[in-house]
Protein backbone atom coordinates (compact mmCIF):
# COMPACT_ATOMS: atom_id res chain seq x y z
CA MET A 1 -40.60 -23.81 -23.23
CA ARG A 2 -39.03 -20.24 -24.27
CA ILE A 3 -39.83 -19.08 -20.65
CA TYR A 4 -38.86 -21.65 -18.80
CA LEU A 5 -35.11 -22.10 -20.54
CA THR A 6 -34.67 -18.62 -20.05
CA HIS A 7 -34.89 -18.66 -15.73
CA LEU A 8 -32.54 -21.29 -16.61
CA LEU A 9 -29.88 -19.72 -18.65
CA LEU A 10 -30.31 -16.17 -15.79
CA ALA A 11 -29.77 -18.34 -12.72
CA ILE A 12 -27.29 -20.78 -14.27
CA ILE A 13 -25.41 -16.32 -14.62
CA LEU A 14 -26.78 -15.97 -11.31
CA VAL A 15 -24.83 -19.15 -9.63
CA ASN A 16 -21.65 -18.04 -11.94
CA CYS A 17 -21.10 -14.35 -10.86
CA ASN A 18 -21.96 -15.30 -6.85
CA SER A 19 -19.41 -18.06 -7.10
CA LYS A 20 -16.59 -18.18 -5.15
CA PRO A 21 -12.98 -19.13 -7.59
CA GLU A 22 -12.03 -22.25 -7.37
CA ASN A 23 -8.55 -23.42 -5.89
CA LEU A 24 -6.49 -24.14 -9.29
CA TYR A 25 -3.36 -24.92 -7.06
CA GLU A 26 -3.00 -25.94 -3.66
CA SER A 27 -0.18 -27.02 -1.31
CA GLU A 28 1.02 -26.52 1.82
CA THR A 29 2.71 -23.41 1.16
CA LEU A 30 0.72 -22.19 -1.59
CA ILE A 31 -2.51 -21.19 -3.26
CA ILE A 32 -3.67 -20.09 -6.83
CA LYS A 33 -6.90 -19.10 -7.69
CA GLN A 34 -8.36 -17.35 -10.99
CA ILE A 35 -10.20 -14.00 -10.63
CA SER A 36 -10.94 -13.49 -14.90
CA ASP A 37 -8.93 -14.45 -18.07
CA HIS A 38 -5.91 -12.73 -17.55
CA THR A 39 -5.31 -12.02 -13.30
CA TYR A 40 -4.52 -15.17 -10.92
CA GLN A 41 -4.84 -14.10 -6.20
CA HIS A 42 -1.80 -16.35 -5.26
CA ILE A 43 -2.34 -16.82 -1.20
CA THR A 44 1.03 -18.09 1.52
CA TYR A 45 1.08 -17.94 5.00
CA LEU A 46 3.30 -15.42 7.41
CA GLN A 47 3.47 -16.50 10.72
CA THR A 48 3.83 -13.56 13.15
CA ASN A 49 3.54 -13.27 17.24
CA ASP A 50 0.13 -11.34 17.38
CA TYR A 51 -2.34 -13.34 14.84
CA GLY A 52 -0.24 -16.69 14.59
CA LYS A 53 -0.62 -17.94 11.05
CA VAL A 54 -1.80 -15.39 8.25
CA GLY A 55 -2.96 -15.78 4.88
CA CYS A 56 -1.03 -13.03 2.21
CA ASN A 57 -2.48 -12.45 -0.71
CA GLY A 58 -1.19 -11.34 -3.81
CA MET A 59 -1.73 -10.59 -7.29
CA ILE A 60 -0.62 -12.54 -10.62
CA VAL A 61 -1.13 -10.48 -14.11
CA VAL A 62 -0.62 -13.64 -17.52
CA ASP A 63 -0.74 -12.98 -21.71
CA GLN A 64 1.19 -14.12 -23.84
CA ASN A 65 3.19 -15.85 -22.17
CA GLU A 66 4.58 -13.46 -20.05
CA ALA A 67 3.72 -12.38 -15.65
CA ILE A 68 4.28 -9.88 -13.51
CA VAL A 69 3.77 -10.56 -9.91
CA PHE A 70 2.71 -8.54 -7.28
CA ASP A 71 3.55 -9.09 -3.71
CA THR A 72 5.84 -12.20 -2.97
CA PRO A 73 5.09 -14.68 -0.46
CA PRO A 74 6.25 -13.92 2.65
CA ASP A 75 9.93 -15.63 2.11
CA ASP A 76 11.63 -17.43 -0.45
CA GLU A 77 10.46 -21.15 -0.75
CA ALA A 78 7.50 -19.68 -1.43
CA SER A 79 8.72 -17.49 -3.97
CA VAL A 80 10.20 -20.84 -5.15
CA GLU A 81 7.23 -22.63 -5.99
CA LEU A 82 4.91 -19.45 -7.44
CA ILE A 83 7.24 -19.18 -10.18
CA ASN A 84 8.21 -22.22 -10.74
CA TRP A 85 4.37 -23.61 -11.10
CA LEU A 86 3.45 -20.16 -13.47
CA GLY A 87 6.22 -21.48 -15.68
CA SER A 88 4.99 -24.99 -15.11
CA ALA A 89 1.37 -24.90 -15.23
CA LEU A 90 0.97 -21.94 -17.88
CA GLY A 91 4.25 -21.52 -19.70
CA SER A 92 5.14 -18.11 -18.51
CA ARG A 93 8.27 -16.31 -17.50
CA VAL A 94 7.82 -13.99 -14.37
CA VAL A 95 9.29 -10.29 -16.29
CA ALA A 96 8.35 -7.86 -13.46
CA VAL A 97 7.41 -7.97 -9.23
CA VAL A 98 6.30 -5.60 -7.35
CA PRO A 99 6.37 -5.30 -4.15
CA THR A 100 3.14 -2.78 -2.89
CA HIS A 101 4.50 -1.71 0.32
CA PHE A 102 7.29 -2.46 2.52
CA HIS A 103 5.58 -5.01 5.28
CA LYS A 104 7.62 -8.56 4.81
CA ASP A 105 4.28 -10.26 4.04
CA CYS A 106 4.69 -7.94 0.49
CA LEU A 107 8.19 -8.48 -0.41
CA GLY A 108 9.77 -11.13 1.87
CA GLY A 109 10.45 -13.69 -1.01
CA LEU A 110 11.73 -10.66 -3.33
CA ALA A 111 15.66 -12.03 -3.37
CA ALA A 112 14.36 -15.70 -4.67
CA PHE A 113 12.88 -13.47 -7.67
CA HIS A 114 15.92 -11.99 -7.42
CA GLN A 115 18.37 -15.24 -7.65
CA ARG A 116 16.31 -15.44 -10.67
CA GLY A 117 17.23 -12.13 -12.83
CA ILE A 118 13.43 -10.70 -12.25
CA PRO A 119 13.05 -7.58 -12.28
CA SER A 120 11.96 -5.66 -9.10
CA ILE A 121 9.26 -2.27 -9.61
CA ALA A 122 8.62 0.03 -6.45
CA HIS A 123 7.37 2.59 -5.26
CA ASN A 124 10.44 5.28 -4.30
CA LYS A 125 8.66 5.81 -0.86
CA THR A 126 8.34 1.74 -0.71
CA ILE A 127 12.06 2.21 -1.05
CA GLN A 128 13.77 4.28 0.74
CA LEU A 129 11.12 3.52 3.99
CA LEU A 130 13.39 -0.19 4.16
CA ASP A 131 17.41 -1.23 5.02
CA SER A 132 17.65 -4.68 3.27
CA ALA A 133 20.02 -4.87 0.65
CA ALA A 134 18.40 -8.01 -0.03
CA LEU A 135 15.34 -7.20 0.37
CA LEU A 136 15.65 -3.67 -2.22
CA PRO A 137 13.50 -3.90 -5.08
CA GLN A 138 15.63 -2.86 -8.31
CA GLN A 139 13.28 0.38 -9.61
CA GLY A 140 11.69 2.89 -8.48
CA PHE A 141 8.56 5.37 -9.06
CA ASP A 142 6.82 8.33 -8.07
CA ASN A 143 2.80 7.78 -7.84
CA PHE A 144 1.84 6.50 -10.44
CA THR A 145 3.41 3.72 -13.65
CA ASN A 146 1.89 2.31 -16.11
CA LEU A 147 3.36 -1.83 -16.82
CA THR A 148 3.47 -3.17 -20.65
CA PHE A 149 3.41 -6.24 -21.36
CA GLY A 150 1.79 -8.82 -24.15
CA SER A 151 -1.11 -7.17 -24.90
CA GLN A 152 -2.06 -6.15 -21.41
CA GLU A 153 -1.23 -2.87 -19.41
CA VAL A 154 -0.98 -2.85 -15.59
CA VAL A 155 -1.03 0.95 -14.11
CA VAL A 156 0.27 0.94 -10.56
CA ASP A 157 -1.16 4.18 -8.37
CA TYR A 158 -0.25 5.51 -4.96
CA LEU A 159 -3.21 7.33 -3.99
CA GLY A 160 -2.13 7.87 -0.51
CA ALA A 161 -1.26 6.74 3.13
CA GLY A 162 -3.43 3.99 4.82
CA HIS A 163 -2.14 0.68 6.27
CA THR A 164 1.77 1.99 5.39
CA SER A 165 2.80 5.71 3.84
CA ASP A 166 4.00 3.97 0.89
CA ASN A 167 0.53 1.56 -0.08
CA VAL A 168 -0.05 1.12 -3.96
CA VAL A 169 -2.64 -0.24 -5.75
CA ALA A 170 -2.37 -2.45 -9.23
CA TYR A 171 -5.63 -1.68 -11.77
CA LEU A 172 -5.98 -4.36 -15.43
CA PRO A 173 -8.21 -1.87 -17.13
CA THR A 174 -9.43 -4.59 -19.49
CA GLU A 175 -10.92 -6.62 -16.94
CA GLN A 176 -11.65 -4.41 -14.55
CA VAL A 177 -9.64 -6.23 -11.29
CA MET A 178 -7.82 -4.14 -8.74
CA PHE A 179 -5.32 -5.97 -6.59
CA GLY A 180 -6.04 -3.41 -3.15
CA GLY A 181 -3.19 -5.67 -1.61
CA CYS A 182 -3.18 -4.49 2.71
CA LEU A 183 -4.65 -1.27 2.08
CA ILE A 184 -8.02 -2.07 1.38
CA LYS A 185 -9.91 -4.46 3.84
CA LYS A 186 -12.03 -8.27 3.07
CA LEU A 187 -15.91 -7.80 4.96
CA LYS A 188 -16.17 -8.50 8.94
CA ALA A 189 -12.67 -7.91 8.60
CA GLY A 190 -10.81 -5.93 12.04
CA LYS A 191 -8.52 -2.98 11.23
CA GLY A 192 -4.98 -5.54 12.37
CA ASN A 193 -1.60 -4.50 12.40
CA LEU A 194 -1.68 -0.41 12.07
CA GLU A 195 1.50 -0.01 13.44
CA ASP A 196 3.40 1.97 10.67
CA ALA A 197 -0.56 3.16 9.44
CA ASP A 198 -2.18 6.81 8.80
CA LEU A 199 -5.39 6.48 10.50
CA ASP A 200 -6.14 10.41 9.52
CA GLU A 201 -5.17 9.66 6.01
CA TRP A 202 -6.68 5.91 4.96
CA SER A 203 -10.77 6.46 4.30
CA THR A 204 -9.60 9.67 1.61
CA THR A 205 -7.41 7.46 0.48
CA VAL A 206 -9.66 4.45 -0.33
CA GLU A 207 -12.33 7.44 -1.28
CA ASN A 208 -9.21 8.46 -3.56
CA ILE A 209 -9.05 5.45 -4.90
CA LYS A 210 -12.84 5.25 -5.61
CA GLU A 211 -13.28 8.16 -7.13
CA LYS A 212 -10.35 7.93 -10.10
CA TYR A 213 -11.12 3.61 -10.91
CA PRO A 214 -15.13 3.59 -10.49
CA ASP A 215 -15.82 0.96 -13.32
CA VAL A 216 -13.39 -1.56 -10.65
CA LYS A 217 -15.64 -5.07 -10.54
CA VAL A 218 -13.25 -6.84 -8.93
CA VAL A 219 -10.23 -5.96 -6.05
CA ILE A 220 -8.13 -8.24 -4.23
CA PRO A 221 -7.19 -7.57 -0.46
CA GLY A 222 -4.15 -8.30 1.01
CA HIS A 223 -5.54 -10.81 2.92
CA GLY A 224 -9.37 -12.80 3.37
CA PRO A 225 -11.12 -13.28 0.35
CA SER A 226 -11.55 -11.65 -3.12
CA GLY A 227 -14.63 -9.05 -3.12
CA GLY A 228 -16.75 -6.22 -5.16
CA GLN A 229 -16.55 -2.54 -4.90
CA ALA A 230 -17.72 -3.95 -1.30
CA LEU A 231 -14.52 -3.96 -0.14
CA LEU A 232 -13.63 -0.19 -0.42
CA ASP A 233 -16.78 0.73 1.41
CA TYR A 234 -15.63 -0.89 3.57
CA THR A 235 -12.76 0.00 3.94
CA ILE A 236 -13.10 3.56 3.75
CA LYS A 237 -16.75 3.09 6.67
CA MET A 238 -13.83 1.33 9.01
CA PHE A 239 -11.42 4.27 9.08
CA LEU A 240 -13.65 7.46 8.95
CA PRO A 241 -12.42 10.07 11.47
CA LYS A 242 -14.43 9.86 14.36
CA ASN A 243 -16.32 13.10 14.23
CA GLN A 244 -17.37 12.32 10.97
CA SER A 245 -18.65 7.93 11.61
CA ASP A 246 -20.95 8.75 13.74
């Protein structure tokens, strides 16, 4: 009996570890999934000419009725829906929003946050690359910053160019969850939009992330399902220079 119970317990643990996070909320424009005790993945949609309707990820970190949002939805309507859901479902007030690079899928809904008095923070390179006052983050940082709220501290870090010259990642050390944004590819993804990419540096930048954050357990990419460090390895291999990948 003891052996049977041990095997049963192990099977339950394995099922839970391998299961995908379920949707906490779903509408035509917004999906919310819980990733860990304090982190959530938000998914909204961007209509593009080249790829059609694209699902776009962001991360939310919540603690003590406060929340920080990483990447806005692509438009104001979905951003309002996200802000309202955080207030009604989690009783949480958004205290900051952080776009991880300058493309629309990261900050297209920034005006909705500003209209509610929510401060925005971004890498100074992101601010320099933007020419729209409505989508201009209010505060800048160089390379690295810690955002403290409740009892949590989130690291926002620039480790090099890749998808864009300004892409940053966000990491919650207490739960080892990272938002890689569009710098990190989902498994089996193609290379995607390379219009502003630095193909020479992309692999090196992700290698820098692996070296600096070796304990990361969950990685949320800019598009597609979350996963483990395999997403970092997949991205590194995809963008290795030809003379290194042969």
